[in-house]
N, C-alpha and C. Protein backbone atom coordinates (compact mmCIF):
# COMPACT_ATOMS: atom_id res chain seq x y z
N MET A 1 10.74 72.12 35.28
CA MET A 1 9.71 71.98 36.30
C MET A 1 8.38 71.54 35.68
N SER A 2 7.58 70.82 36.43
CA SER A 2 6.28 70.42 35.95
C SER A 2 5.34 71.59 35.87
N ARG A 3 4.39 71.51 34.94
CA ARG A 3 3.39 72.56 34.86
C ARG A 3 2.36 72.44 35.96
N ASN A 4 2.27 71.26 36.54
CA ASN A 4 1.29 71.04 37.59
C ASN A 4 1.84 71.53 38.91
N ARG A 5 0.95 72.06 39.74
CA ARG A 5 1.34 72.46 41.08
C ARG A 5 0.22 72.10 42.03
N ILE A 6 0.59 71.92 43.28
CA ILE A 6 -0.40 71.76 44.34
C ILE A 6 -0.38 73.02 45.16
N VAL A 7 -1.52 73.51 45.55
CA VAL A 7 -1.60 74.62 46.47
C VAL A 7 -2.14 74.09 47.79
N LEU A 8 -1.43 74.35 48.84
CA LEU A 8 -1.86 73.95 50.17
C LEU A 8 -2.60 75.13 50.77
N LEU A 9 -3.89 74.96 50.98
CA LEU A 9 -4.73 76.02 51.49
C LEU A 9 -5.13 75.70 52.93
N CYS A 10 -5.42 76.72 53.66
CA CYS A 10 -6.14 76.56 54.91
C CYS A 10 -5.40 75.71 55.93
N LEU A 11 -4.25 76.17 56.35
CA LEU A 11 -3.60 75.57 57.51
C LEU A 11 -4.01 76.45 58.68
N ALA A 12 -5.11 76.09 59.33
CA ALA A 12 -5.74 76.97 60.30
C ALA A 12 -5.81 76.30 61.65
N LEU A 13 -5.39 76.99 62.67
CA LEU A 13 -5.45 76.48 64.03
C LEU A 13 -6.77 76.91 64.63
N ALA A 14 -7.64 75.93 64.93
CA ALA A 14 -8.93 76.25 65.53
C ALA A 14 -8.73 76.62 66.98
N PRO A 15 -9.21 77.79 67.45
CA PRO A 15 -8.97 78.22 68.83
C PRO A 15 -9.72 77.35 69.81
N SER A 16 -9.08 77.15 70.96
CA SER A 16 -9.72 76.33 71.98
C SER A 16 -10.70 77.12 72.83
N GLY A 17 -10.55 78.46 72.87
CA GLY A 17 -11.46 79.29 73.63
C GLY A 17 -11.38 79.00 75.11
N LEU A 18 -12.52 79.24 75.80
CA LEU A 18 -12.55 79.01 77.24
C LEU A 18 -13.00 77.60 77.58
N THR A 19 -13.47 76.88 76.58
CA THR A 19 -13.87 75.50 76.82
C THR A 19 -12.70 74.58 76.48
N ALA A 20 -12.86 73.33 76.83
CA ALA A 20 -11.79 72.36 76.58
C ALA A 20 -11.99 71.69 75.23
N GLU A 21 -12.46 72.46 74.24
CA GLU A 21 -12.67 71.92 72.91
C GLU A 21 -11.34 71.43 72.32
N PRO A 22 -11.35 70.28 71.66
CA PRO A 22 -10.11 69.82 71.01
C PRO A 22 -9.70 70.79 69.92
N ARG A 23 -8.41 70.99 69.76
CA ARG A 23 -7.90 71.87 68.71
C ARG A 23 -7.50 71.03 67.51
N THR A 24 -7.63 71.61 66.35
CA THR A 24 -7.30 70.89 65.13
C THR A 24 -6.52 71.77 64.17
N LEU A 25 -5.77 71.14 63.31
CA LEU A 25 -5.15 71.79 62.17
C LEU A 25 -5.79 71.20 60.92
N SER A 26 -6.32 72.07 60.06
CA SER A 26 -6.98 71.60 58.84
C SER A 26 -6.17 72.01 57.62
N VAL A 27 -6.01 71.10 56.69
CA VAL A 27 -5.23 71.34 55.49
C VAL A 27 -6.06 70.92 54.28
N ARG A 28 -6.09 71.78 53.25
CA ARG A 28 -6.73 71.40 52.00
C ARG A 28 -5.69 71.49 50.89
N VAL A 29 -5.54 70.40 50.13
CA VAL A 29 -4.55 70.33 49.06
C VAL A 29 -5.27 70.32 47.72
N ILE A 30 -4.86 71.23 46.83
CA ILE A 30 -5.53 71.40 45.54
C ILE A 30 -4.51 71.45 44.42
N ASP A 31 -4.83 70.81 43.30
CA ASP A 31 -4.02 70.91 42.10
C ASP A 31 -4.34 72.26 41.47
N SER A 32 -3.39 73.17 41.48
CA SER A 32 -3.68 74.54 41.05
C SER A 32 -3.89 74.64 39.55
N LEU A 33 -3.32 73.72 38.76
CA LEU A 33 -3.50 73.79 37.32
C LEU A 33 -4.95 73.48 36.94
N ARG A 34 -5.51 72.47 37.57
CA ARG A 34 -6.88 72.06 37.27
C ARG A 34 -7.89 72.58 38.29
N ASN A 35 -7.37 73.18 39.37
CA ASN A 35 -8.23 73.66 40.45
C ASN A 35 -9.10 72.53 41.00
N GLU A 36 -8.46 71.36 41.17
CA GLU A 36 -9.16 70.20 41.69
C GLU A 36 -8.48 69.73 42.98
N PRO A 37 -9.27 69.16 43.90
CA PRO A 37 -8.66 68.66 45.14
C PRO A 37 -7.78 67.45 44.86
N VAL A 38 -6.78 67.28 45.71
CA VAL A 38 -5.85 66.14 45.62
C VAL A 38 -6.09 65.22 46.80
N ALA A 39 -6.53 64.01 46.51
CA ALA A 39 -6.77 63.03 47.56
C ALA A 39 -5.49 62.25 47.86
N ASP A 40 -5.45 61.65 49.03
CA ASP A 40 -4.36 60.74 49.44
C ASP A 40 -3.00 61.41 49.51
N ALA A 41 -2.97 62.71 49.80
CA ALA A 41 -1.71 63.37 50.15
C ALA A 41 -1.52 63.24 51.66
N THR A 42 -0.33 62.89 52.07
CA THR A 42 -0.05 62.71 53.50
C THR A 42 0.52 64.01 54.07
N VAL A 43 -0.07 64.46 55.17
CA VAL A 43 0.34 65.69 55.84
C VAL A 43 0.94 65.32 57.19
N VAL A 44 2.15 65.83 57.46
CA VAL A 44 2.82 65.57 58.74
C VAL A 44 3.18 66.90 59.37
N ILE A 45 2.69 67.15 60.59
CA ILE A 45 3.12 68.30 61.40
C ILE A 45 4.32 67.82 62.21
N ASN A 46 5.52 68.22 61.80
CA ASN A 46 6.74 67.64 62.36
C ASN A 46 7.00 68.03 63.81
N ASP A 47 6.31 69.05 64.30
CA ASP A 47 6.53 69.51 65.67
C ASP A 47 5.67 68.76 66.69
N GLY A 48 4.97 67.73 66.28
CA GLY A 48 4.09 67.02 67.19
C GLY A 48 4.82 66.07 68.12
N PRO A 49 4.11 65.53 69.11
CA PRO A 49 4.70 64.53 70.01
C PRO A 49 5.16 63.32 69.24
N ALA A 50 6.12 62.61 69.79
CA ALA A 50 6.67 61.44 69.11
C ALA A 50 5.59 60.37 68.94
N ALA A 51 5.60 59.74 67.79
CA ALA A 51 4.65 58.67 67.52
C ALA A 51 5.15 57.36 68.12
N ALA A 52 4.23 56.56 68.63
CA ALA A 52 4.59 55.28 69.24
C ALA A 52 4.68 54.20 68.17
N PRO A 53 5.73 53.38 68.18
CA PRO A 53 5.85 52.29 67.20
C PRO A 53 4.69 51.32 67.32
N SER A 54 4.34 50.70 66.20
CA SER A 54 3.26 49.73 66.17
C SER A 54 3.53 48.73 65.06
N SER A 55 2.56 47.86 64.79
CA SER A 55 2.68 46.86 63.73
C SER A 55 1.72 47.20 62.59
N PHE A 56 2.20 47.02 61.36
CA PHE A 56 1.41 47.33 60.18
C PHE A 56 1.54 46.20 59.18
N GLU A 57 0.75 46.29 58.11
CA GLU A 57 0.76 45.27 57.08
C GLU A 57 0.65 45.91 55.71
N MET A 58 1.50 45.46 54.80
CA MET A 58 1.40 45.83 53.38
C MET A 58 1.38 44.52 52.60
N ALA A 59 0.18 44.08 52.25
CA ALA A 59 0.01 42.79 51.59
C ALA A 59 0.25 42.92 50.09
N GLN A 60 0.46 41.78 49.45
CA GLN A 60 0.48 41.72 47.99
C GLN A 60 -0.73 40.90 47.55
N LYS A 61 -1.61 41.56 46.80
CA LYS A 61 -2.82 40.90 46.31
C LYS A 61 -3.14 41.42 44.93
N ASP A 62 -3.47 40.52 44.02
CA ASP A 62 -3.74 40.88 42.63
C ASP A 62 -2.55 41.64 42.04
N ARG A 63 -1.36 41.24 42.46
CA ARG A 63 -0.10 41.84 41.99
C ARG A 63 -0.07 43.35 42.23
N GLN A 64 -0.55 43.73 43.39
CA GLN A 64 -0.47 45.11 43.86
C GLN A 64 -0.13 45.09 45.34
N PHE A 65 0.50 46.18 45.80
CA PHE A 65 0.67 46.37 47.24
C PHE A 65 -0.61 46.96 47.80
N ARG A 66 -1.10 46.38 48.88
CA ARG A 66 -2.34 46.84 49.51
C ARG A 66 -2.15 46.99 51.01
N PRO A 67 -2.24 48.22 51.52
CA PRO A 67 -2.39 49.47 50.76
C PRO A 67 -1.12 49.81 49.99
N ASP A 68 -1.24 50.74 49.03
CA ASP A 68 -0.05 51.11 48.26
C ASP A 68 0.79 52.15 48.97
N SER A 69 0.30 52.69 50.10
CA SER A 69 1.13 53.57 50.93
C SER A 69 0.72 53.42 52.39
N LEU A 70 1.70 53.55 53.26
CA LEU A 70 1.50 53.46 54.70
C LEU A 70 2.19 54.64 55.37
N VAL A 71 1.62 55.14 56.46
CA VAL A 71 2.29 56.11 57.32
C VAL A 71 2.50 55.43 58.66
N ILE A 72 3.76 55.30 59.06
CA ILE A 72 4.08 54.56 60.28
C ILE A 72 5.05 55.36 61.15
N ALA A 73 5.06 55.03 62.43
CA ALA A 73 6.01 55.66 63.36
C ALA A 73 7.37 54.99 63.24
N ARG A 74 8.42 55.78 63.45
CA ARG A 74 9.77 55.22 63.46
C ARG A 74 9.86 54.11 64.50
N GLY A 75 10.48 53.00 64.14
CA GLY A 75 10.58 51.85 65.03
C GLY A 75 9.48 50.83 64.83
N SER A 76 8.51 51.14 63.97
CA SER A 76 7.41 50.20 63.71
C SER A 76 7.88 49.06 62.83
N GLU A 77 7.09 47.98 62.83
CA GLU A 77 7.38 46.84 61.97
C GLU A 77 6.25 46.66 60.97
N VAL A 78 6.61 46.19 59.79
CA VAL A 78 5.63 45.97 58.72
C VAL A 78 5.73 44.54 58.24
N ASN A 79 4.60 43.87 58.19
CA ASN A 79 4.51 42.53 57.62
C ASN A 79 4.14 42.65 56.15
N PHE A 80 4.65 41.74 55.32
CA PHE A 80 4.40 41.75 53.88
C PHE A 80 3.81 40.42 53.43
N PRO A 81 2.59 40.07 53.87
CA PRO A 81 2.01 38.79 53.48
C PRO A 81 1.70 38.75 51.98
N ASN A 82 1.99 37.62 51.37
CA ASN A 82 1.69 37.39 49.95
C ASN A 82 0.36 36.64 49.86
N LEU A 83 -0.66 37.32 49.38
CA LEU A 83 -1.99 36.72 49.25
C LEU A 83 -2.27 36.23 47.84
N ASP A 84 -1.28 36.33 46.97
CA ASP A 84 -1.44 35.86 45.60
C ASP A 84 -1.05 34.39 45.49
N ASN A 85 -1.37 33.81 44.33
CA ASN A 85 -0.97 32.42 44.09
C ASN A 85 0.32 32.34 43.31
N THR A 86 1.06 33.44 43.28
CA THR A 86 2.38 33.49 42.66
C THR A 86 3.37 34.07 43.65
N GLN A 87 4.64 33.82 43.47
CA GLN A 87 5.64 34.34 44.39
C GLN A 87 5.93 35.81 44.11
N HIS A 88 6.39 36.50 45.16
CA HIS A 88 6.83 37.88 45.02
C HIS A 88 8.26 38.00 45.57
N HIS A 89 8.93 39.07 45.17
CA HIS A 89 10.29 39.36 45.62
C HIS A 89 10.32 40.84 45.98
N VAL A 90 10.05 41.14 47.24
CA VAL A 90 9.84 42.52 47.69
C VAL A 90 11.16 43.11 48.16
N TYR A 91 11.42 44.37 47.81
CA TYR A 91 12.70 44.98 48.14
C TYR A 91 12.59 46.50 48.16
N SER A 92 13.62 47.15 48.71
CA SER A 92 13.74 48.61 48.68
C SER A 92 15.21 48.99 48.73
N PHE A 93 15.54 50.10 48.03
CA PHE A 93 16.88 50.67 48.08
C PHE A 93 16.91 51.97 48.87
N ALA A 94 15.84 52.33 49.56
CA ALA A 94 15.72 53.65 50.19
C ALA A 94 16.79 53.86 51.25
N ALA A 95 17.23 55.13 51.37
CA ALA A 95 18.22 55.46 52.40
C ALA A 95 17.67 55.19 53.79
N ALA A 96 16.36 55.38 53.97
CA ALA A 96 15.76 55.15 55.28
C ALA A 96 15.68 53.67 55.63
N LYS A 97 15.61 52.81 54.61
CA LYS A 97 15.57 51.37 54.86
C LYS A 97 15.83 50.60 53.58
N THR A 98 16.91 49.84 53.57
CA THR A 98 17.20 48.92 52.48
C THR A 98 16.93 47.51 52.97
N PHE A 99 16.11 46.76 52.22
CA PHE A 99 15.81 45.39 52.63
C PHE A 99 15.42 44.59 51.39
N GLU A 100 15.40 43.27 51.55
CA GLU A 100 15.03 42.39 50.45
C GLU A 100 14.37 41.14 51.02
N LEU A 101 13.19 40.83 50.54
CA LEU A 101 12.48 39.60 50.87
C LEU A 101 12.47 38.76 49.60
N GLU A 102 13.39 37.82 49.51
CA GLU A 102 13.54 37.05 48.28
C GLU A 102 12.32 36.18 48.04
N LEU A 103 12.24 35.61 46.86
CA LEU A 103 11.05 34.89 46.40
C LEU A 103 10.33 34.16 47.54
N PHE A 104 9.07 34.51 47.76
CA PHE A 104 8.34 33.88 48.86
C PHE A 104 6.85 33.82 48.53
N SER A 105 6.20 32.88 49.18
CA SER A 105 4.75 32.77 49.16
C SER A 105 4.26 32.85 50.60
N GLY A 106 3.02 33.24 50.79
CA GLY A 106 2.47 33.28 52.14
C GLY A 106 3.10 34.37 52.97
N GLN A 107 3.44 34.04 54.21
CA GLN A 107 3.98 35.01 55.16
C GLN A 107 5.50 34.91 55.24
N PRO A 108 6.24 36.02 55.05
CA PRO A 108 7.70 35.98 55.24
C PRO A 108 8.05 35.56 56.67
N ASP A 109 9.30 35.16 56.85
CA ASP A 109 9.73 34.65 58.15
C ASP A 109 9.57 35.67 59.27
N ALA A 110 9.80 36.95 58.97
CA ALA A 110 9.75 37.98 60.02
C ALA A 110 9.34 39.31 59.39
N PRO A 111 8.72 40.18 60.19
CA PRO A 111 8.40 41.52 59.67
C PRO A 111 9.67 42.35 59.49
N VAL A 112 9.55 43.43 58.76
CA VAL A 112 10.65 44.36 58.55
C VAL A 112 10.48 45.53 59.51
N VAL A 113 11.54 45.86 60.25
CA VAL A 113 11.50 46.97 61.21
C VAL A 113 12.11 48.21 60.56
N PHE A 114 11.45 49.35 60.71
CA PHE A 114 11.87 50.60 60.09
C PHE A 114 12.40 51.53 61.19
N GLU A 115 13.74 51.57 61.31
CA GLU A 115 14.38 52.28 62.42
C GLU A 115 14.61 53.75 62.15
N LYS A 116 14.55 54.19 60.89
CA LYS A 116 14.86 55.57 60.53
C LYS A 116 13.67 56.23 59.88
N ALA A 117 13.51 57.54 60.17
CA ALA A 117 12.45 58.31 59.52
C ALA A 117 12.82 58.56 58.06
N GLY A 118 11.83 58.62 57.21
CA GLY A 118 12.05 58.88 55.79
C GLY A 118 11.00 58.18 54.95
N VAL A 119 11.17 58.25 53.65
CA VAL A 119 10.23 57.63 52.72
C VAL A 119 10.90 56.41 52.09
N VAL A 120 10.22 55.27 52.15
CA VAL A 120 10.75 54.01 51.65
C VAL A 120 9.89 53.57 50.47
N GLU A 121 10.48 53.59 49.28
CA GLU A 121 9.79 53.10 48.10
C GLU A 121 10.02 51.59 47.99
N VAL A 122 8.92 50.85 47.78
CA VAL A 122 8.97 49.39 47.77
C VAL A 122 8.58 48.88 46.39
N GLY A 123 9.30 47.88 45.90
CA GLY A 123 8.98 47.28 44.61
C GLY A 123 9.02 45.78 44.67
N CYS A 124 8.66 45.15 43.54
CA CYS A 124 8.73 43.70 43.40
C CYS A 124 9.58 43.38 42.19
N ASN A 125 10.61 42.56 42.37
CA ASN A 125 11.51 42.22 41.27
C ASN A 125 10.84 41.34 40.22
N ILE A 126 9.74 40.69 40.56
CA ILE A 126 9.06 39.80 39.63
C ILE A 126 8.00 40.55 38.82
N HIS A 127 7.32 41.49 39.46
CA HIS A 127 6.22 42.20 38.81
C HIS A 127 6.55 43.69 38.80
N ASP A 128 7.00 44.15 37.63
CA ASP A 128 7.62 45.46 37.52
C ASP A 128 6.69 46.61 37.89
N ARG A 129 5.40 46.45 37.70
CA ARG A 129 4.48 47.57 37.91
C ARG A 129 4.07 47.73 39.37
N MET A 130 4.45 46.80 40.22
CA MET A 130 4.10 46.92 41.64
C MET A 130 4.95 47.99 42.29
N GLN A 131 4.30 48.88 43.01
CA GLN A 131 5.00 49.98 43.67
C GLN A 131 4.25 50.36 44.95
N GLY A 132 4.98 50.50 46.04
CA GLY A 132 4.39 50.92 47.30
C GLY A 132 5.30 51.92 47.98
N PHE A 133 4.76 52.65 48.95
CA PHE A 133 5.53 53.64 49.69
C PHE A 133 5.21 53.50 51.18
N ILE A 134 6.26 53.60 51.99
CA ILE A 134 6.10 53.61 53.45
C ILE A 134 6.72 54.90 53.96
N ILE A 135 5.89 55.74 54.56
CA ILE A 135 6.33 57.03 55.09
C ILE A 135 6.57 56.84 56.58
N VAL A 136 7.83 56.89 56.98
CA VAL A 136 8.21 56.66 58.38
C VAL A 136 8.42 58.02 59.04
N THR A 137 7.66 58.29 60.09
CA THR A 137 7.68 59.62 60.69
C THR A 137 7.99 59.58 62.17
N GLU A 138 8.56 60.68 62.66
CA GLU A 138 8.81 60.84 64.11
C GLU A 138 7.57 61.37 64.82
N SER A 139 6.71 62.10 64.10
CA SER A 139 5.60 62.82 64.72
C SER A 139 4.31 61.99 64.71
N SER A 140 3.51 62.18 65.74
CA SER A 140 2.20 61.53 65.81
C SER A 140 1.12 62.36 65.11
N LEU A 141 1.44 63.58 64.69
CA LEU A 141 0.45 64.46 64.08
C LEU A 141 0.47 64.28 62.56
N THR A 142 -0.29 63.33 62.09
CA THR A 142 -0.36 63.03 60.66
C THR A 142 -1.82 62.89 60.24
N ALA A 143 -2.07 63.12 58.96
CA ALA A 143 -3.40 62.93 58.40
C ALA A 143 -3.26 62.75 56.90
N ARG A 144 -4.31 62.25 56.28
CA ARG A 144 -4.32 62.06 54.83
C ARG A 144 -5.53 62.77 54.25
N THR A 145 -5.33 63.43 53.12
CA THR A 145 -6.42 64.18 52.52
C THR A 145 -7.49 63.22 51.98
N ASP A 146 -8.74 63.65 52.09
CA ASP A 146 -9.85 62.86 51.57
C ASP A 146 -10.13 63.25 50.12
N ASP A 147 -11.27 62.82 49.59
CA ASP A 147 -11.59 63.09 48.19
C ASP A 147 -11.76 64.58 47.92
N SER A 148 -12.04 65.35 48.96
CA SER A 148 -12.18 66.80 48.79
C SER A 148 -10.85 67.53 49.00
N GLY A 149 -9.77 66.78 49.21
CA GLY A 149 -8.46 67.39 49.45
C GLY A 149 -8.25 67.86 50.86
N LEU A 150 -9.14 67.51 51.77
CA LEU A 150 -9.08 68.01 53.15
C LEU A 150 -8.48 66.98 54.09
N ALA A 151 -7.57 67.45 54.95
CA ALA A 151 -7.00 66.63 56.03
C ALA A 151 -7.07 67.43 57.32
N THR A 152 -7.46 66.79 58.40
CA THR A 152 -7.56 67.44 59.70
C THR A 152 -6.73 66.68 60.72
N VAL A 153 -5.85 67.40 61.41
CA VAL A 153 -4.98 66.82 62.42
C VAL A 153 -5.48 67.26 63.79
N SER A 154 -5.78 66.30 64.65
CA SER A 154 -6.21 66.60 66.01
C SER A 154 -4.98 66.79 66.90
N LEU A 155 -4.95 67.88 67.65
CA LEU A 155 -3.82 68.17 68.52
C LEU A 155 -4.07 67.60 69.91
N PRO A 156 -3.04 67.07 70.55
CA PRO A 156 -3.21 66.53 71.91
C PRO A 156 -3.67 67.61 72.87
N SER A 157 -4.49 67.23 73.82
CA SER A 157 -4.98 68.18 74.82
C SER A 157 -3.82 68.81 75.58
N GLY A 158 -3.85 70.15 75.69
CA GLY A 158 -2.82 70.87 76.42
C GLY A 158 -1.53 71.05 75.66
N SER A 159 -1.50 70.68 74.39
CA SER A 159 -0.27 70.81 73.61
C SER A 159 0.05 72.27 73.34
N VAL A 160 1.32 72.58 73.29
CA VAL A 160 1.79 73.93 73.00
C VAL A 160 2.56 73.90 71.69
N LEU A 161 2.12 74.71 70.73
CA LEU A 161 2.77 74.76 69.43
C LEU A 161 3.83 75.85 69.39
N PRO A 162 4.92 75.64 68.69
CA PRO A 162 5.88 76.73 68.49
C PRO A 162 5.29 77.78 67.56
N ASN A 163 5.92 78.93 67.50
CA ASN A 163 5.43 80.00 66.62
C ASN A 163 5.52 79.61 65.16
N GLU A 164 6.51 78.81 64.81
CA GLU A 164 6.67 78.35 63.43
C GLU A 164 6.51 76.83 63.39
N LEU A 165 5.64 76.36 62.52
CA LEU A 165 5.38 74.94 62.38
C LEU A 165 6.11 74.37 61.17
N SER A 166 6.73 73.24 61.35
CA SER A 166 7.34 72.52 60.25
C SER A 166 6.33 71.52 59.70
N VAL A 167 5.99 71.67 58.42
CA VAL A 167 4.97 70.84 57.78
C VAL A 167 5.57 70.13 56.58
N SER A 168 5.34 68.83 56.49
CA SER A 168 5.78 68.06 55.33
C SER A 168 4.56 67.51 54.61
N ILE A 169 4.60 67.55 53.27
CA ILE A 169 3.53 66.99 52.45
C ILE A 169 4.14 65.91 51.57
N TRP A 170 3.56 64.71 51.61
CA TRP A 170 4.00 63.62 50.74
C TRP A 170 2.91 63.29 49.74
N HIS A 171 3.33 63.11 48.48
CA HIS A 171 2.40 62.66 47.44
C HIS A 171 3.22 61.91 46.39
N PRO A 172 2.71 60.80 45.83
CA PRO A 172 3.52 59.99 44.92
C PRO A 172 3.92 60.71 43.63
N ARG A 173 3.24 61.82 43.29
CA ARG A 173 3.57 62.51 42.04
C ARG A 173 4.47 63.73 42.25
N LEU A 174 4.95 63.92 43.47
CA LEU A 174 5.96 64.96 43.68
C LEU A 174 7.27 64.52 43.03
N THR A 175 8.04 65.49 42.52
CA THR A 175 9.22 65.16 41.73
C THR A 175 10.48 64.92 42.55
N ASP A 176 10.48 65.32 43.82
CA ASP A 176 11.62 65.06 44.68
C ASP A 176 11.81 63.56 44.86
N ASP A 177 13.06 63.12 45.10
CA ASP A 177 13.33 61.69 45.25
C ASP A 177 12.48 61.06 46.35
N ASN A 178 12.23 61.80 47.41
CA ASN A 178 11.41 61.30 48.51
C ASN A 178 9.94 61.66 48.36
N ARG A 179 9.60 62.33 47.26
CA ARG A 179 8.22 62.72 46.99
C ARG A 179 7.63 63.49 48.16
N THR A 180 8.45 64.34 48.75
CA THR A 180 8.06 65.10 49.93
C THR A 180 8.48 66.55 49.77
N ALA A 181 7.62 67.46 50.20
CA ALA A 181 7.94 68.88 50.22
C ALA A 181 7.84 69.38 51.65
N HIS A 182 8.73 70.30 52.03
CA HIS A 182 8.81 70.78 53.41
C HIS A 182 8.56 72.29 53.45
N PHE A 183 7.82 72.71 54.45
CA PHE A 183 7.46 74.11 54.59
C PHE A 183 7.54 74.54 56.06
N THR A 184 7.67 75.84 56.26
CA THR A 184 7.55 76.43 57.59
C THR A 184 6.35 77.37 57.57
N VAL A 185 5.44 77.18 58.50
CA VAL A 185 4.19 77.93 58.53
C VAL A 185 4.00 78.54 59.92
N SER A 186 3.60 79.78 59.95
CA SER A 186 3.35 80.44 61.24
C SER A 186 2.10 79.87 61.88
N SER A 187 2.18 79.64 63.20
CA SER A 187 1.01 79.18 63.95
C SER A 187 0.31 80.33 64.65
N LEU A 188 0.77 81.56 64.39
CA LEU A 188 0.23 82.72 65.11
C LEU A 188 -0.89 83.41 64.36
N THR A 189 -1.18 82.96 63.14
CA THR A 189 -2.23 83.60 62.37
C THR A 189 -3.30 82.60 62.00
N SER A 190 -4.51 83.08 61.90
CA SER A 190 -5.62 82.21 61.49
C SER A 190 -5.86 82.29 59.98
N ALA A 191 -5.12 83.16 59.31
CA ALA A 191 -5.28 83.28 57.85
C ALA A 191 -4.75 82.02 57.17
N PRO A 192 -5.37 81.62 56.08
CA PRO A 192 -4.89 80.43 55.36
C PRO A 192 -3.45 80.62 54.87
N ALA A 193 -2.68 79.56 54.95
CA ALA A 193 -1.32 79.57 54.42
C ALA A 193 -1.34 78.90 53.05
N GLU A 194 -0.81 79.58 52.05
CA GLU A 194 -0.79 79.04 50.70
C GLU A 194 0.64 78.62 50.34
N LEU A 195 0.81 77.34 50.04
CA LEU A 195 2.11 76.78 49.70
C LEU A 195 1.98 76.07 48.36
N ALA A 196 2.91 76.33 47.45
CA ALA A 196 2.85 75.73 46.12
C ALA A 196 4.03 74.81 45.91
N LEU A 197 3.82 73.72 45.18
CA LEU A 197 4.89 72.79 44.87
C LEU A 197 4.63 72.12 43.53
N ASP A 198 5.70 71.64 42.90
CA ASP A 198 5.58 71.00 41.60
C ASP A 198 5.05 69.58 41.74
N LEU A 199 4.20 69.21 40.81
CA LEU A 199 3.60 67.88 40.78
C LEU A 199 3.75 67.33 39.38
N ALA A 200 4.34 66.16 39.24
CA ALA A 200 4.54 65.56 37.93
C ALA A 200 3.21 65.12 37.34
N PRO A 201 3.09 65.11 36.02
CA PRO A 201 1.86 64.59 35.40
C PRO A 201 1.64 63.14 35.79
N ALA A 202 0.38 62.72 35.78
CA ALA A 202 0.07 61.33 36.10
C ALA A 202 0.72 60.42 35.08
N SER A 203 1.39 59.37 35.57
CA SER A 203 2.08 58.46 34.66
C SER A 203 1.08 57.50 34.03
N ARG A 204 1.46 56.97 32.88
CA ARG A 204 0.65 55.99 32.18
C ARG A 204 1.37 54.64 32.21
N GLN A 205 0.59 53.59 32.40
CA GLN A 205 1.18 52.26 32.40
C GLN A 205 1.62 51.91 30.99
N ASN A 206 2.92 51.72 30.78
CA ASN A 206 3.40 51.40 29.44
C ASN A 206 4.27 50.15 29.41
N GLY A 207 4.34 49.45 30.54
CA GLY A 207 5.08 48.21 30.56
C GLY A 207 6.58 48.37 30.70
N ARG A 208 7.08 49.60 30.75
CA ARG A 208 8.51 49.83 30.89
C ARG A 208 8.90 49.80 32.36
N LEU A 209 10.16 49.45 32.62
CA LEU A 209 10.66 49.45 33.99
C LEU A 209 10.74 50.86 34.51
N ASP A 210 10.30 51.08 35.73
CA ASP A 210 10.56 52.38 36.33
C ASP A 210 11.95 52.36 36.95
N GLY A 211 12.38 53.48 37.53
CA GLY A 211 13.74 53.60 38.02
C GLY A 211 14.08 52.58 39.09
N LEU A 212 13.13 52.25 39.96
CA LEU A 212 13.42 51.32 41.05
C LEU A 212 13.75 49.93 40.52
N GLN A 213 12.90 49.40 39.63
CA GLN A 213 13.17 48.07 39.11
C GLN A 213 14.43 48.04 38.25
N LYS A 214 14.70 49.10 37.48
CA LYS A 214 15.89 49.12 36.66
C LYS A 214 17.15 49.05 37.52
N ARG A 215 17.13 49.76 38.66
CA ARG A 215 18.28 49.69 39.56
C ARG A 215 18.50 48.28 40.06
N PHE A 216 17.40 47.56 40.33
CA PHE A 216 17.53 46.17 40.79
C PHE A 216 18.13 45.32 39.69
N ARG A 217 17.67 45.51 38.45
CA ARG A 217 18.17 44.71 37.33
C ARG A 217 19.66 44.96 37.09
N ASP A 218 20.11 46.20 37.37
CA ASP A 218 21.49 46.58 37.07
C ASP A 218 22.48 46.10 38.10
N LEU A 219 22.00 45.55 39.22
CA LEU A 219 22.92 45.08 40.26
C LEU A 219 23.76 43.91 39.74
């Protein structure tokens, strides 16, 4: 196991009271080893209303995916425009979506539709260090932590939460294949919920193939 851990603090349901104040769920994610906040962790409250499909974009620019992660609703489509002056070969082996956009410049012929929920790791067969992630979710209740490690999810007006909430946390340094951890949290208490999970050390760029590109080479 990694020595690093994340502690999920403060999963608190703000009471609506007698006014029609919007209710929120707030989450703070902290690296417990360094006691520092973790930015860009994706929080999904799985018990939320279904998310509506939409269109998104993950461009390639300066030999990077931009953005390097997306959170999308199941059934959404993603365009992969190439803004570089070199060709890219974008692909994924993920169980949630396997696809391949062979060598192309500019705009591919059609967007890629993501029909299944899950985490889709995306790579480029030409540029080994390029890596992106698409988190496909059923729930509309999602948020991403800011630089202080805080994420706030706004609940739909009149929504009713179950007594136990299913919460998923995604971060690229989680050691699970899907880089996701799952928890059950009571919605009946206002006390902070503390959840710990293993976090791999930050990787260093060393020019070696990561697992995704090596699998492509081995085909």
